[in-house]
Amino acid sequence: MLLIGQPALADGVSPNRASIELPNLLPPPPAAGSAAARQDLQAVLAVQRSRTTDEQSAAKADMERSIFRFADTLGPAMQAATLPKTAAFFERVADFDKAEVKDAKLYWRRPRPPVTSDQVHPLSKEKPDDWSYPSGHATFGYTTAILLANMVPEKRTEIFARADQYAQHRVVMGVHFPSDVEAGRLAGTVIGAQLLQQADWQADYQAACAELRAALQLPQSPPQTP
């Protein structure tokens, strides 16, 4: 069941924030010791063996949870200094995402790959109490992709490809399993779709959309999808 509670404040997430109950919507992570869990770990180790220096650098850069990590899909006009409404809107999204994912992580309490196996050599050190499932970065990447692709549907394919890369970089970092990333894809898709329908998000969304499309020198209104 999808549960929407009190609206979030425009400058952050209120104690009575809107709530999307991810534990009711996502499948559980693979059980510890199961064949699926072993496969998950082997996938992390395979990526670890093959990751290049460039891939490691790109993955580290994508540790930043920001709409402007998507600038490479939209061009040089995508700058925080000239897009204050866009920046503020997606900071609000990041706060909302983080709160929703935190609840889900606490529900499942899945250890991260380096805790599961000493064969995993992560590229960053995560907080001890920040659990693995679902991936918060992947969730933010796909929530962002849903919203951004509706603002700029002309770049929909490139935006979702960038979200895939952004999410996969969490496996490259050695801090998430592929199933964590897949859960983030599902969570971000649900959250993004819900925020598009929430009345209390519409003013900020429309302001960001208009500002971004003007900066990209696109027509004021996004084209209608068929």
C-alpha atoms as a PDB file:
ATOM      1  CA  MET A   1       0.000   0.000   0.000  1.00  0.00           C
ATOM      2  CA  LEU A   2       1.257   3.474  -0.841  1.00  0.00           C
ATOM      3  CA  LEU A   3       0.865   5.762   2.150  1.00  0.00           C
ATOM      4  CA  ILE A   4       1.026   9.533   1.784  1.00  0.00           C
ATOM      5  CA  GLY A   5       0.918  11.530   5.008  1.00  0.00           C
ATOM      6  CA  GLN A   6       1.444  15.180   5.838  1.00  0.00           C
ATOM      7  CA  PRO A   7       3.178  17.368   3.251  1.00  0.00           C
ATOM      8  CA  ALA A   8       6.881  18.175   3.460  1.00  0.00           C
ATOM      9  CA  LEU A   9       8.053  21.720   4.038  1.00  0.00           C
ATOM     10  CA  ALA A  10       9.548  23.543   1.062  1.00  0.00           C
ATOM     11  CA  ASP A  11      12.906  23.999   2.816  1.00  0.00           C
ATOM     12  CA  GLY A  12      13.267  20.470   4.086  1.00  0.00           C
ATOM     13  CA  VAL A  13      11.430  17.517   5.530  1.00  0.00           C
ATOM     14  CA  SER A  14       9.106  18.151   8.449  1.00  0.00           C
ATOM     15  CA  PRO A  15       8.610  15.718  11.354  1.00  0.00           C
ATOM     16  CA  ASN A  16       5.183  15.019   9.828  1.00  0.00           C
ATOM     17  CA  ARG A  17       6.556  14.695   6.315  1.00  0.00           C
ATOM     18  CA  ALA A  18       4.794  12.889   3.525  1.00  0.00           C
ATOM     19  CA  SER A  19       5.687   9.221   3.796  1.00  0.00           C
ATOM     20  CA  ILE A  20       5.992   6.550   1.142  1.00  0.00           C
ATOM     21  CA  GLU A  21       6.297   3.259   2.974  1.00  0.00           C
ATOM     22  CA  LEU A  22       9.035   1.550   0.986  1.00  0.00           C
ATOM     23  CA  PRO A  23       9.089  -1.671   3.064  1.00  0.00           C
ATOM     24  CA  ASN A  24       5.536  -2.302   1.814  1.00  0.00           C
ATOM     25  CA  LEU A  25       6.529  -1.705  -1.810  1.00  0.00           C
ATOM     26  CA  LEU A  26       9.967  -3.284  -2.266  1.00  0.00           C
ATOM     27  CA  PRO A  27      10.856  -6.963  -2.276  1.00  0.00           C
ATOM     28  CA  PRO A  28      13.081  -7.985   0.640  1.00  0.00           C
ATOM     29  CA  PRO A  29      16.825  -8.253   0.022  1.00  0.00           C
ATOM     30  CA  PRO A  30      18.342 -11.703  -0.512  1.00  0.00           C
ATOM     31  CA  ALA A  31      18.471 -13.639   2.729  1.00  0.00           C
ATOM     32  CA  ALA A  32      21.912 -13.914   4.333  1.00  0.00           C
ATOM     33  CA  GLY A  33      23.618 -17.139   3.236  1.00  0.00           C
ATOM     34  CA  SER A  34      21.212 -17.756   0.354  1.00  0.00           C
ATOM     35  CA  ALA A  35      22.261 -18.508  -3.207  1.00  0.00           C
ATOM     36  CA  ALA A  36      20.961 -15.085  -4.247  1.00  0.00           C
ATOM     37  CA  ALA A  37      23.103 -13.382  -1.578  1.00  0.00           C
ATOM     38  CA  ARG A  38      26.186 -15.286  -2.720  1.00  0.00           C
ATOM     39  CA  GLN A  39      25.470 -14.271  -6.308  1.00  0.00           C
ATOM     40  CA  ASP A  40      25.105 -10.644  -5.191  1.00  0.00           C
ATOM     41  CA  LEU A  41      28.518 -10.774  -3.506  1.00  0.00           C
ATOM     42  CA  GLN A  42      30.155 -12.417  -6.500  1.00  0.00           C
ATOM     43  CA  ALA A  43      28.825  -9.620  -8.712  1.00  0.00           C
ATOM     44  CA  VAL A  44      30.455  -7.018  -6.423  1.00  0.00           C
ATOM     45  CA  LEU A  45      33.748  -8.899  -6.518  1.00  0.00           C
ATOM     46  CA  ALA A  46      33.601  -9.197 -10.310  1.00  0.00           C
ATOM     47  CA  VAL A  47      33.140  -5.444 -10.664  1.00  0.00           C
ATOM     48  CA  GLN A  48      35.964  -4.879  -8.177  1.00  0.00           C
ATOM     49  CA  ARG A  49      38.333  -6.998 -10.275  1.00  0.00           C
ATOM     50  CA  SER A  50      37.477  -5.190 -13.519  1.00  0.00           C
ATOM     51  CA  ARG A  51      37.052  -1.557 -12.404  1.00  0.00           C
ATOM     52  CA  THR A  52      39.443   0.794 -14.147  1.00  0.00           C
ATOM     53  CA  THR A  53      41.087   3.918 -12.762  1.00  0.00           C
ATOM     54  CA  ASP A  54      38.706   6.079 -14.798  1.00  0.00           C
ATOM     55  CA  GLU A  55      35.682   4.152 -13.531  1.00  0.00           C
ATOM     56  CA  GLN A  56      36.871   4.542  -9.964  1.00  0.00           C
ATOM     57  CA  SER A  57      37.302   8.303 -10.425  1.00  0.00           C
ATOM     58  CA  ALA A  58      33.840   8.629 -11.983  1.00  0.00           C
ATOM     59  CA  ALA A  59      32.266   6.570  -9.204  1.00  0.00           C
ATOM     60  CA  LYS A  60      33.909   8.723  -6.535  1.00  0.00           C
ATOM     61  CA  ALA A  61      32.654  11.882  -8.251  1.00  0.00           C
ATOM     62  CA  ASP A  62      29.135  10.436  -8.212  1.00  0.00           C
ATOM     63  CA  MET A  63      29.225  10.196  -4.430  1.00  0.00           C
ATOM     64  CA  GLU A  64      27.786  13.713  -4.568  1.00  0.00           C
ATOM     65  CA  ARG A  65      24.008  13.576  -4.324  1.00  0.00           C
ATOM     66  CA  SER A  66      23.181  16.462  -6.630  1.00  0.00           C
ATOM     67  CA  ILE A  67      21.081  17.207  -9.691  1.00  0.00           C
ATOM     68  CA  PHE A  68      24.203  18.734 -11.215  1.00  0.00           C
ATOM     69  CA  ARG A  69      25.788  15.295 -11.549  1.00  0.00           C
ATOM     70  CA  PHE A  70      23.368  15.067 -14.508  1.00  0.00           C
ATOM     71  CA  ALA A  71      24.889  18.143 -16.172  1.00  0.00           C
ATOM     72  CA  ASP A  72      26.800  15.992 -18.648  1.00  0.00           C
ATOM     73  CA  THR A  73      23.492  14.977 -20.224  1.00  0.00           C
ATOM     74  CA  LEU A  74      22.128  18.518 -20.557  1.00  0.00           C
ATOM     75  CA  GLY A  75      25.149  20.648 -21.413  1.00  0.00           C
ATOM     76  CA  PRO A  76      27.120  23.559 -19.926  1.00  0.00           C
ATOM     77  CA  ALA A  77      24.010  25.616 -19.103  1.00  0.00           C
ATOM     78  CA  MET A  78      23.314  23.190 -16.240  1.00  0.00           C
ATOM     79  CA  GLN A  79      25.033  25.260 -13.533  1.00  0.00           C
ATOM     80  CA  ALA A  80      24.030  25.650  -9.889  1.00  0.00           C
ATOM     81  CA  ALA A  81      24.938  29.348  -9.852  1.00  0.00           C
ATOM     82  CA  THR A  82      22.404  30.207 -12.552  1.00  0.00           C
ATOM     83  CA  LEU A  83      19.680  27.720 -11.602  1.00  0.00           C
ATOM     84  CA  PRO A  84      18.751  28.506  -7.976  1.00  0.00           C
ATOM     85  CA  LYS A  85      15.154  27.254  -8.235  1.00  0.00           C
ATOM     86  CA  THR A  86      16.277  24.006  -9.851  1.00  0.00           C
ATOM     87  CA  ALA A  87      18.958  23.535  -7.206  1.00  0.00           C
ATOM     88  CA  ALA A  88      16.509  24.205  -4.360  1.00  0.00           C
ATOM     89  CA  PHE A  89      13.878  21.850  -5.777  1.00  0.00           C
ATOM     90  CA  PHE A  90      16.266  18.926  -6.141  1.00  0.00           C
ATOM     91  CA  GLU A  91      17.793  19.591  -2.719  1.00  0.00           C
ATOM     92  CA  ARG A  92      14.262  19.186  -1.363  1.00  0.00           C
ATOM     93  CA  VAL A  93      13.976  15.951  -3.356  1.00  0.00           C
ATOM     94  CA  ALA A  94      17.281  14.710  -1.925  1.00  0.00           C
ATOM     95  CA  ASP A  95      16.098  15.418   1.639  1.00  0.00           C
ATOM     96  CA  PHE A  96      12.819  13.609   1.041  1.00  0.00           C
ATOM     97  CA  ASP A  97      14.547  10.633  -0.589  1.00  0.00           C
ATOM     98  CA  LYS A  98      17.072  10.341   2.207  1.00  0.00           C
ATOM     99  CA  ALA A  99      14.373  10.219   4.875  1.00  0.00           C
ATOM    100  CA  GLU A 100      12.355   7.596   3.001  1.00  0.00           C
ATOM    101  CA  VAL A 101      15.383   5.401   2.353  1.00  0.00           C
ATOM    102  CA  LYS A 102      16.552   5.694   5.948  1.00  0.00           C
ATOM    103  CA  ASP A 103      13.275   4.178   7.135  1.00  0.00           C
ATOM    104  CA  ALA A 104      13.633   1.286   4.685  1.00  0.00           C
ATOM    105  CA  LYS A 105      17.279   0.678   5.610  1.00  0.00           C
ATOM    106  CA  LEU A 106      16.398   0.520   9.275  1.00  0.00           C
ATOM    107  CA  TYR A 107      13.593  -1.915   8.491  1.00  0.00           C
ATOM    108  CA  TRP A 108      15.873  -4.433   6.700  1.00  0.00           C
ATOM    109  CA  ARG A 109      19.267  -3.638   8.291  1.00  0.00           C
ATOM    110  CA  ARG A 110      21.230  -5.336   5.558  1.00  0.00           C
ATOM    111  CA  PRO A 111      25.025  -5.143   6.070  1.00  0.00           C
ATOM    112  CA  ARG A 112      27.044  -3.557   3.292  1.00  0.00           C
ATOM    113  CA  PRO A 113      29.380  -5.642   1.100  1.00  0.00           C
ATOM    114  CA  PRO A 114      32.609  -4.887   3.046  1.00  0.00           C
ATOM    115  CA  VAL A 115      30.919  -6.041   6.246  1.00  0.00           C
ATOM    116  CA  THR A 116      29.706  -9.196   4.543  1.00  0.00           C
ATOM    117  CA  SER A 117      33.109 -10.134   3.103  1.00  0.00           C
ATOM    118  CA  ASP A 118      36.683  -9.002   3.737  1.00  0.00           C
ATOM    119  CA  GLN A 119      37.358  -9.665   0.050  1.00  0.00           C
ATOM    120  CA  VAL A 120      35.490  -6.439  -0.769  1.00  0.00           C
ATOM    121  CA  HIS A 121      37.741  -3.379  -0.868  1.00  0.00           C
ATOM    122  CA  PRO A 122      35.489  -0.298  -0.987  1.00  0.00           C
ATOM    123  CA  LEU A 123      36.582   3.050  -2.367  1.00  0.00           C
ATOM    124  CA  SER A 124      34.938   4.943   0.506  1.00  0.00           C
ATOM    125  CA  LYS A 125      34.123   4.304   4.137  1.00  0.00           C
ATOM    126  CA  GLU A 126      30.420   4.398   4.967  1.00  0.00           C
ATOM    127  CA  LYS A 127      28.918   5.095   8.361  1.00  0.00           C
ATOM    128  CA  PRO A 128      28.621   1.958  10.511  1.00  0.00           C
ATOM    129  CA  ASP A 129      24.864   2.427  11.002  1.00  0.00           C
ATOM    130  CA  ASP A 130      24.107   3.245   7.337  1.00  0.00           C
ATOM    131  CA  TRP A 131      22.696   0.009   6.011  1.00  0.00           C
ATOM    132  CA  SER A 132      22.849  -1.306   2.459  1.00  0.00           C
ATOM    133  CA  TYR A 133      19.279  -1.908   1.235  1.00  0.00           C
ATOM    134  CA  PRO A 134      18.048  -0.018  -0.686  1.00  0.00           C
ATOM    135  CA  SER A 135      20.805   2.182  -2.100  1.00  0.00           C
ATOM    136  CA  GLY A 136      20.104   5.804  -1.232  1.00  0.00           C
ATOM    137  CA  HIS A 137      22.208   7.128  -4.094  1.00  0.00           C
ATOM    138  CA  ALA A 138      20.458   4.866  -6.592  1.00  0.00           C
ATOM    139  CA  THR A 139      17.096   5.979  -5.218  1.00  0.00           C
ATOM    140  CA  PHE A 140      18.048   9.625  -5.627  1.00  0.00           C
ATOM    141  CA  GLY A 141      19.394   8.978  -9.126  1.00  0.00           C
ATOM    142  CA  TYR A 142      16.151   7.426 -10.336  1.00  0.00           C
ATOM    143  CA  THR A 143      13.879   9.870  -8.502  1.00  0.00           C
ATOM    144  CA  THR A 144      15.865  12.624 -10.188  1.00  0.00           C
ATOM    145  CA  ALA A 145      15.630  10.893 -13.568  1.00  0.00           C
ATOM    146  CA  ILE A 146      11.830  10.636 -13.348  1.00  0.00           C
ATOM    147  CA  LEU A 147      11.456  14.313 -12.472  1.00  0.00           C
ATOM    148  CA  LEU A 148      14.146  15.598 -14.823  1.00  0.00           C
ATOM    149  CA  ALA A 149      12.880  13.541 -17.750  1.00  0.00           C
ATOM    150  CA  ASN A 150       9.444  15.092 -17.282  1.00  0.00           C
ATOM    151  CA  MET A 151      10.990  18.547 -17.243  1.00  0.00           C
ATOM    152  CA  VAL A 152      13.178  17.855 -20.282  1.00  0.00           C
ATOM    153  CA  PRO A 153      11.587  14.947 -22.180  1.00  0.00           C
ATOM    154  CA  GLU A 154      13.752  15.819 -25.189  1.00  0.00           C
ATOM    155  CA  LYS A 155      16.633  14.220 -23.248  1.00  0.00           C
ATOM    156  CA  ARG A 156      14.713  11.343 -21.644  1.00  0.00           C
ATOM    157  CA  THR A 157      16.928   8.559 -23.031  1.00  0.00           C
ATOM    158  CA  GLU A 158      20.152  10.254 -21.977  1.00  0.00           C
ATOM    159  CA  ILE A 159      18.789  11.119 -18.530  1.00  0.00           C
ATOM    160  CA  PHE A 160      17.825   7.534 -17.729  1.00  0.00           C
ATOM    161  CA  ALA A 161      21.132   6.237 -19.083  1.00  0.00           C
ATOM    162  CA  ARG A 162      22.895   8.631 -16.710  1.00  0.00           C
ATOM    163  CA  ALA A 163      20.750   7.410 -13.816  1.00  0.00           C
ATOM    164  CA  ASP A 164      21.781   3.834 -14.619  1.00  0.00           C
ATOM    165  CA  GLN A 165      25.435   4.853 -14.552  1.00  0.00           C
ATOM    166  CA  TYR A 166      25.021   6.877 -11.360  1.00  0.00           C
ATOM    167  CA  ALA A 167      23.423   3.890  -9.634  1.00  0.00           C
ATOM    168  CA  GLN A 168      25.915   1.328 -10.954  1.00  0.00           C
ATOM    169  CA  HIS A 169      28.745   3.426  -9.564  1.00  0.00           C
ATOM    170  CA  ARG A 170      27.647   2.340  -6.089  1.00  0.00           C
ATOM    171  CA  VAL A 171      28.644  -1.215  -7.005  1.00  0.00           C
ATOM    172  CA  VAL A 172      31.904   0.086  -8.513  1.00  0.00           C
ATOM    173  CA  MET A 173      32.545   1.798  -5.166  1.00  0.00           C
ATOM    174  CA  GLY A 174      32.106  -1.553  -3.429  1.00  0.00           C
ATOM    175  CA  VAL A 175      29.530  -0.130  -1.022  1.00  0.00           C
ATOM    176  CA  HIS A 176      26.357  -1.700  -2.446  1.00  0.00           C
ATOM    177  CA  PHE A 177      25.155  -4.962  -3.909  1.00  0.00           C
ATOM    178  CA  PRO A 178      23.387  -5.043  -7.290  1.00  0.00           C
ATOM    179  CA  SER A 179      20.125  -5.890  -5.513  1.00  0.00           C
ATOM    180  CA  ASP A 180      20.497  -2.717  -3.420  1.00  0.00           C
ATOM    181  CA  VAL A 181      20.790  -0.722  -6.632  1.00  0.00           C
ATOM    182  CA  GLU A 182      17.793  -2.458  -8.193  1.00  0.00           C
ATOM    183  CA  ALA A 183      15.748  -1.687  -5.072  1.00  0.00           C
ATOM    184  CA  GLY A 184      16.872   1.929  -5.420  1.00  0.00           C
ATOM    185  CA  ARG A 185      15.627   1.943  -9.007  1.00  0.00           C
ATOM    186  CA  LEU A 186      12.210   0.745  -7.870  1.00  0.00           C
ATOM    187  CA  ALA A 187      12.114   3.130  -4.915  1.00  0.00           C
ATOM    188  CA  GLY A 188      13.169   6.128  -6.993  1.00  0.00           C
ATOM    189  CA  THR A 189      10.604   5.334  -9.661  1.00  0.00           C
ATOM    190  CA  VAL A 190       7.815   5.173  -7.073  1.00  0.00           C
ATOM    191  CA  ILE A 191       8.939   8.337  -5.301  1.00  0.00           C
ATOM    192  CA  GLY A 192       9.400  10.301  -8.511  1.00  0.00           C
ATOM    193  CA  ALA A 193       5.977   9.288  -9.822  1.00  0.00           C
ATOM    194  CA  GLN A 194       4.351  10.225  -6.521  1.00  0.00           C
ATOM    195  CA  LEU A 195       6.021  13.619  -6.299  1.00  0.00           C
ATOM    196  CA  LEU A 196       4.764  14.469  -9.785  1.00  0.00           C
ATOM    197  CA  GLN A 197       1.228  13.984  -8.430  1.00  0.00           C
ATOM    198  CA  GLN A 198       1.628  15.731  -5.068  1.00  0.00           C
ATOM    199  CA  ALA A 199      -0.034  19.158  -4.938  1.00  0.00           C
ATOM    200  CA  ASP A 200       2.413  20.534  -2.365  1.00  0.00           C
ATOM    201  CA  TRP A 201       5.335  19.888  -4.728  1.00  0.00           C
ATOM    202  CA  GLN A 202       3.805  21.437  -7.840  1.00  0.00           C
ATOM    203  CA  ALA A 203       4.807  25.084  -7.341  1.00  0.00           C
ATOM    204  CA  ASP A 204       8.473  24.218  -6.773  1.00  0.00           C
ATOM    205  CA  TYR A 205       8.438  21.693  -9.610  1.00  0.00           C
ATOM    206  CA  GLN A 206       6.941  24.136 -12.111  1.00  0.00           C
ATOM    207  CA  ALA A 207       9.342  26.904 -11.110  1.00  0.00           C
ATOM    208  CA  ALA A 208      12.337  24.595 -11.525  1.00  0.00           C
ATOM    209  CA  CYS A 209      11.023  23.288 -14.846  1.00  0.00           C
ATOM    210  CA  ALA A 210      10.536  26.780 -16.277  1.00  0.00           C
ATOM    211  CA  GLU A 211      13.951  27.947 -15.074  1.00  0.00           C
ATOM    212  CA  LEU A 212      15.745  24.894 -16.436  1.00  0.00           C
ATOM    213  CA  ARG A 213      14.055  24.929 -19.833  1.00  0.00           C
ATOM    214  CA  ALA A 214      14.828  28.635 -20.227  1.00  0.00           C
ATOM    215  CA  ALA A 215      18.490  28.020 -19.400  1.00  0.00           C
ATOM    216  CA  LEU A 216      18.618  25.198 -21.957  1.00  0.00           C
ATOM    217  CA  GLN A 217      16.944  27.494 -24.542  1.00  0.00           C
ATOM    218  CA  LEU A 218      14.022  25.099 -24.941  1.00  0.00           C
ATOM    219  CA  PRO A 219      10.339  26.014 -25.487  1.00  0.00           C
ATOM    220  CA  GLN A 220       8.614  27.061 -22.276  1.00  0.00           C
ATOM    221  CA  SER A 221       6.374  23.989 -22.098  1.00  0.00           C
ATOM    222  CA  PRO A 222       7.744  20.440 -22.394  1.00  0.00           C
ATOM    223  CA  PRO A 223       6.408  18.552 -25.414  1.00  0.00           C
ATOM    224  CA  GLN A 224       3.578  16.159 -24.665  1.00  0.00           C
ATOM    225  CA  THR A 225       4.500  12.497 -24.662  1.00  0.00           C
ATOM    226  CA  PRO A 226       2.446  10.352 -27.086  1.00  0.00           C
END
